[in-house]
Amino acid sequence: MVQDFAAAGLRLGSLITRNRSLRKAVACNMRFHNPSGISVAIGTAILEDRDFVASFVRLSQERLRDSHLHTTKVLDAAGVKYERGNAGFFVFIDLAPWLEHAEPGQNREFVLAQKLLEAGVGLHPCEEHAEKEGQFRLVFSQDRETLQEGLRR
């Protein structure tokens, strides 16, 4: 519920599967990770309000679509390549042309990430998820003003 309902701190989720082995493995670990009663009550209240859920999801989809379109227009205009997707809160952008030579023991992506951070832009190098060096994850699910300022920088 944290990401789907912008509910930071409300750490609730569900697993729907027919895979008995997976259910059993998850159940063994879940006995140490039960959510609080208040979290369950809040989550239940949110999910039972079907009108709210429908309205919230519709508004979220509109905002994400608009932010994605704005972001990709800016990237296109700047000549920054990116992976095209059809869902999500972020795009993988290709900053390989801006990677500089790094000192031994330094990661070129982290050197660039540090320079960006010093300029007020937080982009995460995608060493864990990227297909190739130089890909960074650009999250576009911010308010328009924040997004525009980050893209400007």
N, C-alpha and C. Protein backbone atom coordinates (compact mmCIF):
# COMPACT_ATOMS: atom_id res chain seq x y z
N MET A 1 0.81 -1.20 0.00
CA MET A 1 0.00 0.00 0.00
C MET A 1 0.85 1.26 0.00
N VAL A 2 2.11 1.14 0.35
CA VAL A 2 2.97 2.32 0.43
C VAL A 2 3.00 3.06 -0.90
N GLN A 3 3.31 2.36 -1.98
CA GLN A 3 3.42 3.03 -3.28
C GLN A 3 2.07 3.21 -3.95
N ASP A 4 1.21 2.24 -3.88
CA ASP A 4 -0.07 2.33 -4.57
C ASP A 4 -0.96 3.45 -4.03
N PHE A 5 -0.86 3.73 -2.74
CA PHE A 5 -1.72 4.74 -2.14
C PHE A 5 -0.94 5.90 -1.52
N ALA A 6 0.31 6.04 -1.90
CA ALA A 6 1.14 7.14 -1.39
C ALA A 6 1.06 7.20 0.13
N ALA A 7 1.13 6.04 0.76
CA ALA A 7 0.95 5.93 2.20
C ALA A 7 2.26 5.51 2.87
N ALA A 8 3.22 6.42 2.87
CA ALA A 8 4.51 6.12 3.47
C ALA A 8 4.32 5.65 4.91
N GLY A 9 4.97 4.57 5.26
CA GLY A 9 4.88 4.04 6.61
C GLY A 9 3.80 2.98 6.78
N LEU A 10 2.86 2.92 5.87
CA LEU A 10 1.79 1.92 5.96
C LEU A 10 2.26 0.67 5.22
N ARG A 11 3.04 -0.12 5.89
CA ARG A 11 3.71 -1.27 5.29
C ARG A 11 2.79 -2.49 5.28
N LEU A 12 1.90 -2.48 4.31
CA LEU A 12 0.98 -3.60 4.14
C LEU A 12 1.07 -4.10 2.71
N GLY A 13 0.97 -5.37 2.54
CA GLY A 13 0.98 -5.97 1.21
C GLY A 13 0.26 -7.29 1.26
N SER A 14 0.13 -7.89 0.11
CA SER A 14 -0.52 -9.20 0.07
C SER A 14 0.17 -10.07 -0.97
N LEU A 15 0.02 -11.34 -0.80
CA LEU A 15 0.55 -12.32 -1.74
C LEU A 15 -0.60 -13.19 -2.18
N ILE A 16 -0.84 -13.21 -3.47
CA ILE A 16 -1.89 -14.05 -4.03
C ILE A 16 -1.20 -15.03 -4.96
N THR A 17 -1.20 -16.29 -4.58
CA THR A 17 -0.52 -17.30 -5.38
C THR A 17 -1.13 -18.67 -5.15
N ARG A 18 -1.02 -19.50 -6.15
CA ARG A 18 -1.42 -20.91 -6.02
C ARG A 18 -0.22 -21.79 -5.71
N ASN A 19 0.94 -21.20 -5.68
CA ASN A 19 2.18 -21.92 -5.44
C ASN A 19 2.31 -22.22 -3.95
N ARG A 20 2.05 -23.46 -3.58
CA ARG A 20 2.06 -23.84 -2.16
C ARG A 20 3.44 -23.69 -1.54
N SER A 21 4.48 -24.03 -2.29
CA SER A 21 5.84 -23.90 -1.76
C SER A 21 6.17 -22.44 -1.44
N LEU A 22 5.76 -21.56 -2.31
CA LEU A 22 5.99 -20.14 -2.08
C LEU A 22 5.21 -19.65 -0.86
N ARG A 23 3.93 -20.03 -0.78
CA ARG A 23 3.11 -19.64 0.38
C ARG A 23 3.74 -20.13 1.67
N LYS A 24 4.21 -21.36 1.66
CA LYS A 24 4.81 -21.94 2.87
C LYS A 24 6.09 -21.18 3.25
N ALA A 25 6.92 -20.88 2.27
CA ALA A 25 8.17 -20.16 2.54
C ALA A 25 7.89 -18.76 3.09
N VAL A 26 6.93 -18.07 2.50
CA VAL A 26 6.59 -16.73 2.97
C VAL A 26 5.97 -16.79 4.36
N ALA A 27 5.11 -17.77 4.60
CA ALA A 27 4.46 -17.90 5.90
C ALA A 27 5.49 -18.10 7.02
N CYS A 28 6.55 -18.84 6.74
CA CYS A 28 7.59 -19.06 7.75
C CYS A 28 8.24 -17.74 8.18
N ASN A 29 8.41 -16.85 7.23
CA ASN A 29 9.05 -15.56 7.55
C ASN A 29 8.07 -14.54 8.11
N MET A 30 6.82 -14.64 7.74
CA MET A 30 5.85 -13.63 8.14
C MET A 30 5.53 -13.63 9.63
N ARG A 31 5.77 -14.71 10.29
CA ARG A 31 5.45 -14.72 11.72
C ARG A 31 6.30 -13.71 12.49
N PHE A 32 7.39 -13.24 11.88
CA PHE A 32 8.25 -12.25 12.52
C PHE A 32 7.98 -10.83 11.99
N HIS A 33 7.04 -10.70 11.07
CA HIS A 33 6.83 -9.41 10.41
C HIS A 33 5.36 -9.02 10.34
N ASN A 34 4.61 -9.28 11.36
CA ASN A 34 3.19 -8.92 11.35
C ASN A 34 3.03 -7.41 11.45
N PRO A 35 2.10 -6.85 10.67
CA PRO A 35 1.84 -5.41 10.78
C PRO A 35 1.08 -5.11 12.07
N SER A 36 1.12 -3.86 12.47
CA SER A 36 0.39 -3.47 13.68
C SER A 36 -1.10 -3.46 13.42
N GLY A 37 -1.87 -3.56 14.48
CA GLY A 37 -3.33 -3.54 14.36
C GLY A 37 -3.84 -2.25 13.74
N ILE A 38 -3.21 -1.13 14.10
CA ILE A 38 -3.65 0.15 13.55
C ILE A 38 -3.38 0.21 12.05
N SER A 39 -2.26 -0.36 11.60
CA SER A 39 -1.96 -0.39 10.16
C SER A 39 -3.01 -1.21 9.42
N VAL A 40 -3.37 -2.34 9.99
CA VAL A 40 -4.40 -3.19 9.36
C VAL A 40 -5.73 -2.44 9.31
N ALA A 41 -6.08 -1.76 10.40
CA ALA A 41 -7.35 -1.02 10.44
C ALA A 41 -7.37 0.10 9.39
N ILE A 42 -6.28 0.83 9.28
CA ILE A 42 -6.20 1.92 8.29
C ILE A 42 -6.26 1.35 6.88
N GLY A 43 -5.49 0.31 6.62
CA GLY A 43 -5.49 -0.32 5.30
C GLY A 43 -6.86 -0.85 4.92
N THR A 44 -7.53 -1.47 5.87
CA THR A 44 -8.87 -2.00 5.62
C THR A 44 -9.85 -0.88 5.30
N ALA A 45 -9.78 0.20 6.08
CA ALA A 45 -10.68 1.34 5.84
C ALA A 45 -10.47 1.93 4.44
N ILE A 46 -9.23 2.03 4.03
CA ILE A 46 -8.94 2.56 2.69
C ILE A 46 -9.51 1.64 1.62
N LEU A 47 -9.20 0.35 1.71
CA LEU A 47 -9.61 -0.59 0.67
C LEU A 47 -11.11 -0.82 0.62
N GLU A 48 -11.80 -0.67 1.74
CA GLU A 48 -13.25 -0.88 1.74
C GLU A 48 -14.01 0.31 1.17
N ASP A 49 -13.37 1.45 1.06
CA ASP A 49 -14.01 2.63 0.46
C ASP A 49 -13.79 2.58 -1.05
N ARG A 50 -14.64 1.84 -1.73
CA ARG A 50 -14.46 1.59 -3.16
C ARG A 50 -14.50 2.87 -4.00
N ASP A 51 -15.34 3.82 -3.61
CA ASP A 51 -15.39 5.09 -4.36
C ASP A 51 -14.07 5.83 -4.25
N PHE A 52 -13.51 5.86 -3.03
CA PHE A 52 -12.22 6.51 -2.83
C PHE A 52 -11.14 5.82 -3.65
N VAL A 53 -11.09 4.49 -3.59
CA VAL A 53 -10.07 3.74 -4.32
C VAL A 53 -10.17 4.03 -5.81
N ALA A 54 -11.37 3.98 -6.37
CA ALA A 54 -11.55 4.23 -7.81
C ALA A 54 -11.10 5.65 -8.16
N SER A 55 -11.48 6.62 -7.35
CA SER A 55 -11.11 8.01 -7.59
C SER A 55 -9.60 8.21 -7.47
N PHE A 56 -9.02 7.63 -6.44
CA PHE A 56 -7.58 7.78 -6.19
C PHE A 56 -6.78 7.16 -7.32
N VAL A 57 -7.16 5.96 -7.73
CA VAL A 57 -6.44 5.27 -8.81
C VAL A 57 -6.55 6.07 -10.11
N ARG A 58 -7.74 6.55 -10.42
CA ARG A 58 -7.95 7.34 -11.64
C ARG A 58 -7.06 8.60 -11.62
N LEU A 59 -7.07 9.33 -10.51
CA LEU A 59 -6.25 10.54 -10.39
C LEU A 59 -4.76 10.21 -10.49
N SER A 60 -4.34 9.15 -9.83
CA SER A 60 -2.93 8.73 -9.88
C SER A 60 -2.51 8.39 -11.30
N GLN A 61 -3.36 7.66 -12.01
CA GLN A 61 -3.05 7.31 -13.40
C GLN A 61 -2.91 8.55 -14.27
N GLU A 62 -3.81 9.51 -14.10
CA GLU A 62 -3.74 10.76 -14.87
C GLU A 62 -2.44 11.50 -14.59
N ARG A 63 -2.12 11.64 -13.31
CA ARG A 63 -0.91 12.38 -12.94
C ARG A 63 0.35 11.68 -13.42
N LEU A 64 0.39 10.36 -13.28
CA LEU A 64 1.56 9.62 -13.74
C LEU A 64 1.70 9.71 -15.26
N ARG A 65 0.60 9.60 -15.98
CA ARG A 65 0.64 9.71 -17.44
C ARG A 65 1.16 11.09 -17.85
N ASP A 66 0.62 12.14 -17.23
CA ASP A 66 1.06 13.51 -17.55
C ASP A 66 2.54 13.72 -17.22
N SER A 67 2.97 13.23 -16.07
CA SER A 67 4.38 13.38 -15.67
C SER A 67 5.30 12.61 -16.60
N HIS A 68 4.86 11.41 -17.00
CA HIS A 68 5.67 10.60 -17.92
C HIS A 68 5.80 11.31 -19.27
N LEU A 69 4.69 11.82 -19.78
CA LEU A 69 4.73 12.54 -21.06
C LEU A 69 5.63 13.77 -20.99
N HIS A 70 5.50 14.53 -19.91
CA HIS A 70 6.34 15.72 -19.74
C HIS A 70 7.82 15.33 -19.68
N THR A 71 8.12 14.31 -18.89
CA THR A 71 9.51 13.87 -18.72
C THR A 71 10.11 13.41 -20.05
N THR A 72 9.39 12.59 -20.78
CA THR A 72 9.94 12.08 -22.04
C THR A 72 10.07 13.18 -23.09
N LYS A 73 9.18 14.18 -23.07
CA LYS A 73 9.33 15.33 -23.98
C LYS A 73 10.63 16.08 -23.68
N VAL A 74 10.89 16.32 -22.40
CA VAL A 74 12.11 17.03 -22.01
C VAL A 74 13.34 16.21 -22.38
N LEU A 75 13.30 14.90 -22.13
CA LEU A 75 14.43 14.04 -22.48
C LEU A 75 14.66 14.03 -23.98
N ASP A 76 13.59 13.92 -24.75
CA ASP A 76 13.71 13.94 -26.21
C ASP A 76 14.34 15.24 -26.69
N ALA A 77 13.87 16.36 -26.15
CA ALA A 77 14.39 17.67 -26.55
C ALA A 77 15.87 17.82 -26.19
N ALA A 78 16.29 17.19 -25.10
CA ALA A 78 17.68 17.28 -24.65
C ALA A 78 18.57 16.22 -25.31
N GLY A 79 17.97 15.31 -26.05
CA GLY A 79 18.75 14.26 -26.70
C GLY A 79 19.20 13.16 -25.77
N VAL A 80 18.52 13.01 -24.65
CA VAL A 80 18.85 11.95 -23.69
C VAL A 80 18.03 10.72 -24.05
N LYS A 81 18.72 9.62 -24.29
CA LYS A 81 18.02 8.38 -24.62
C LYS A 81 17.46 7.74 -23.36
N TYR A 82 16.39 6.97 -23.52
CA TYR A 82 15.76 6.30 -22.39
C TYR A 82 15.05 5.06 -22.88
N GLU A 83 14.78 4.16 -21.95
CA GLU A 83 14.04 2.94 -22.26
C GLU A 83 12.55 3.26 -22.25
N ARG A 84 11.89 2.90 -23.29
CA ARG A 84 10.44 3.14 -23.37
C ARG A 84 9.73 2.07 -22.54
N GLY A 85 8.74 2.50 -21.78
CA GLY A 85 7.98 1.58 -20.95
C GLY A 85 6.50 1.91 -21.03
N ASN A 86 5.70 1.09 -20.38
CA ASN A 86 4.26 1.36 -20.39
C ASN A 86 3.66 1.40 -18.99
N ALA A 87 4.49 1.35 -17.98
CA ALA A 87 3.99 1.41 -16.61
C ALA A 87 5.16 1.76 -15.69
N GLY A 88 4.84 2.22 -14.51
CA GLY A 88 5.87 2.48 -13.53
C GLY A 88 5.96 3.93 -13.11
N PHE A 89 6.86 4.19 -12.17
CA PHE A 89 7.06 5.51 -11.60
C PHE A 89 8.36 6.14 -12.09
N PHE A 90 9.06 5.46 -12.97
CA PHE A 90 10.37 5.93 -13.39
C PHE A 90 10.68 5.48 -14.81
N VAL A 91 11.71 6.10 -15.39
CA VAL A 91 12.26 5.65 -16.66
C VAL A 91 13.75 5.44 -16.46
N PHE A 92 14.29 4.48 -17.19
CA PHE A 92 15.74 4.28 -17.20
C PHE A 92 16.30 5.21 -18.27
N ILE A 93 17.18 6.13 -17.86
CA ILE A 93 17.78 7.04 -18.82
C ILE A 93 19.23 6.63 -19.06
N ASP A 94 19.71 6.90 -20.25
CA ASP A 94 21.07 6.52 -20.64
C ASP A 94 21.98 7.73 -20.53
N LEU A 95 22.79 7.75 -19.50
CA LEU A 95 23.75 8.84 -19.31
C LEU A 95 25.17 8.39 -19.62
N ALA A 96 25.31 7.29 -20.35
CA ALA A 96 26.64 6.78 -20.72
C ALA A 96 27.50 7.84 -21.41
N PRO A 97 26.92 8.68 -22.29
CA PRO A 97 27.77 9.70 -22.93
C PRO A 97 28.41 10.68 -21.94
N TRP A 98 27.88 10.78 -20.74
CA TRP A 98 28.41 11.72 -19.75
C TRP A 98 29.29 11.04 -18.70
N LEU A 99 29.52 9.75 -18.84
CA LEU A 99 30.40 9.06 -17.90
C LEU A 99 31.85 9.44 -18.20
N GLU A 100 32.56 9.81 -17.18
CA GLU A 100 33.96 10.20 -17.34
C GLU A 100 34.86 9.07 -16.87
N HIS A 101 36.13 9.19 -17.19
CA HIS A 101 37.11 8.23 -16.70
C HIS A 101 37.15 8.30 -15.17
N ALA A 102 37.20 7.17 -14.54
CA ALA A 102 37.25 7.13 -13.08
C ALA A 102 38.60 6.62 -12.61
N GLU A 103 38.97 7.03 -11.43
CA GLU A 103 40.21 6.55 -10.81
C GLU A 103 40.07 5.07 -10.50
N PRO A 104 41.18 4.35 -10.39
CA PRO A 104 41.09 2.93 -10.02
C PRO A 104 40.30 2.76 -8.72
N GLY A 105 39.41 1.81 -8.72
CA GLY A 105 38.60 1.54 -7.54
C GLY A 105 37.32 2.36 -7.49
N GLN A 106 37.14 3.29 -8.43
CA GLN A 106 35.93 4.10 -8.47
C GLN A 106 35.00 3.58 -9.57
N ASN A 107 33.73 3.69 -9.33
CA ASN A 107 32.72 3.31 -10.31
C ASN A 107 32.32 4.57 -11.07
N ARG A 108 32.39 4.53 -12.40
CA ARG A 108 32.09 5.71 -13.22
C ARG A 108 30.67 6.22 -13.00
N GLU A 109 29.73 5.31 -12.80
CA GLU A 109 28.35 5.73 -12.56
C GLU A 109 28.22 6.48 -11.25
N PHE A 110 28.92 6.01 -10.23
CA PHE A 110 28.83 6.67 -8.92
C PHE A 110 29.54 8.03 -8.94
N VAL A 111 30.59 8.16 -9.75
CA VAL A 111 31.26 9.46 -9.89
C VAL A 111 30.28 10.46 -10.49
N LEU A 112 29.56 10.06 -11.55
CA LEU A 112 28.56 10.94 -12.17
C LEU A 112 27.41 11.20 -11.20
N ALA A 113 26.96 10.17 -10.50
CA ALA A 113 25.86 10.34 -9.55
C ALA A 113 26.23 11.36 -8.48
N GLN A 114 27.47 11.34 -8.02
CA GLN A 114 27.92 12.30 -7.01
C GLN A 114 27.93 13.72 -7.57
N LYS A 115 28.38 13.88 -8.81
CA LYS A 115 28.37 15.22 -9.43
C LYS A 115 26.95 15.73 -9.56
N LEU A 116 26.04 14.86 -9.97
CA LEU A 116 24.64 15.26 -10.08
C LEU A 116 24.07 15.65 -8.73
N LEU A 117 24.41 14.87 -7.71
CA LEU A 117 23.92 15.16 -6.36
C LEU A 117 24.43 16.52 -5.87
N GLU A 118 25.68 16.82 -6.18
CA GLU A 118 26.24 18.11 -5.80
C GLU A 118 25.52 19.27 -6.50
N ALA A 119 24.91 18.98 -7.65
CA ALA A 119 24.14 19.98 -8.39
C ALA A 119 22.66 19.96 -7.99
N GLY A 120 22.33 19.14 -6.99
CA GLY A 120 20.96 19.10 -6.49
C GLY A 120 20.04 18.13 -7.20
N VAL A 121 20.62 17.16 -7.89
CA VAL A 121 19.81 16.16 -8.60
C VAL A 121 20.18 14.78 -8.08
N GLY A 122 19.22 14.08 -7.54
CA GLY A 122 19.46 12.74 -7.03
C GLY A 122 18.98 11.69 -8.03
N LEU A 123 19.91 11.08 -8.73
CA LEU A 123 19.60 9.97 -9.63
C LEU A 123 20.36 8.76 -9.16
N HIS A 124 19.71 7.63 -9.18
CA HIS A 124 20.33 6.40 -8.69
C HIS A 124 20.93 5.63 -9.85
N PRO A 125 22.25 5.35 -9.78
CA PRO A 125 22.84 4.49 -10.80
C PRO A 125 22.17 3.12 -10.74
N CYS A 126 21.98 2.52 -11.86
CA CYS A 126 21.20 1.28 -11.91
C CYS A 126 22.06 0.04 -11.95
N GLU A 127 23.10 0.02 -11.14
CA GLU A 127 24.01 -1.12 -11.16
C GLU A 127 23.31 -2.43 -10.85
N GLU A 128 22.21 -2.39 -10.13
CA GLU A 128 21.51 -3.63 -9.79
C GLU A 128 20.49 -4.03 -10.84
N HIS A 129 19.99 -3.08 -11.61
CA HIS A 129 18.86 -3.36 -12.49
C HIS A 129 19.11 -3.06 -13.96
N ALA A 130 20.16 -2.35 -14.27
CA ALA A 130 20.38 -1.89 -15.64
C ALA A 130 20.94 -2.99 -16.53
N GLU A 131 20.61 -2.87 -17.80
CA GLU A 131 21.15 -3.80 -18.78
C GLU A 131 22.54 -3.39 -19.22
N LYS A 132 22.86 -2.10 -19.13
CA LYS A 132 24.16 -1.63 -19.58
C LYS A 132 24.64 -0.48 -18.71
N GLU A 133 25.95 -0.26 -18.74
CA GLU A 133 26.56 0.80 -17.96
C GLU A 133 26.03 2.16 -18.40
N GLY A 134 25.79 3.02 -17.44
CA GLY A 134 25.36 4.38 -17.74
C GLY A 134 23.87 4.61 -17.60
N GLN A 135 23.13 3.55 -17.30
CA GLN A 135 21.69 3.73 -17.11
C GLN A 135 21.42 4.18 -15.67
N PHE A 136 20.54 5.17 -15.56
CA PHE A 136 20.13 5.70 -14.27
C PHE A 136 18.61 5.66 -14.20
N ARG A 137 18.10 5.57 -13.00
CA ARG A 137 16.65 5.54 -12.80
C ARG A 137 16.18 6.96 -12.48
N LEU A 138 15.32 7.49 -13.35
CA LEU A 138 14.76 8.83 -13.15
C LEU A 138 13.30 8.67 -12.73
N VAL A 139 13.02 9.03 -11.48
CA VAL A 139 11.67 8.93 -10.94
C VAL A 139 10.90 10.19 -11.34
N PHE A 140 9.76 10.01 -12.00
CA PHE A 140 8.98 11.16 -12.47
C PHE A 140 7.70 11.35 -11.68
N SER A 141 7.51 10.62 -10.61
CA SER A 141 6.26 10.70 -9.83
C SER A 141 6.33 11.76 -8.74
N GLN A 142 6.89 12.90 -9.07
CA GLN A 142 6.95 14.04 -8.16
C GLN A 142 5.92 15.08 -8.61
N ASP A 143 5.70 16.09 -7.78
CA ASP A 143 4.84 17.18 -8.22
C ASP A 143 5.51 17.89 -9.40
N ARG A 144 4.73 18.56 -10.22
CA ARG A 144 5.23 19.14 -11.47
C ARG A 144 6.38 20.12 -11.22
N GLU A 145 6.26 20.96 -10.21
CA GLU A 145 7.31 21.96 -9.94
C GLU A 145 8.64 21.29 -9.62
N THR A 146 8.62 20.27 -8.77
CA THR A 146 9.85 19.55 -8.41
C THR A 146 10.42 18.84 -9.63
N LEU A 147 9.54 18.20 -10.39
CA LEU A 147 9.97 17.48 -11.59
C LEU A 147 10.62 18.43 -12.58
N GLN A 148 9.98 19.56 -12.84
CA GLN A 148 10.53 20.53 -13.80
C GLN A 148 11.90 21.04 -13.36
N GLU A 149 12.04 21.33 -12.08
CA GLU A 149 13.31 21.83 -11.59
C GLU A 149 14.40 20.77 -11.71
N GLY A 150 14.09 19.54 -11.37
CA GLY A 150 15.07 18.46 -11.51
C GLY A 150 15.48 18.24 -12.96
N LEU A 151 14.53 18.28 -13.87
CA LEU A 151 14.84 18.11 -15.29
C LEU A 151 15.64 19.30 -15.82
N ARG A 152 15.34 20.49 -15.33
CA ARG A 152 16.09 21.67 -15.75
C ARG A 152 17.56 21.55 -15.37
N ARG A 153 17.80 21.08 -14.15
CA ARG A 153 19.18 20.97 -13.66
C ARG A 153 19.93 19.91 -14.44
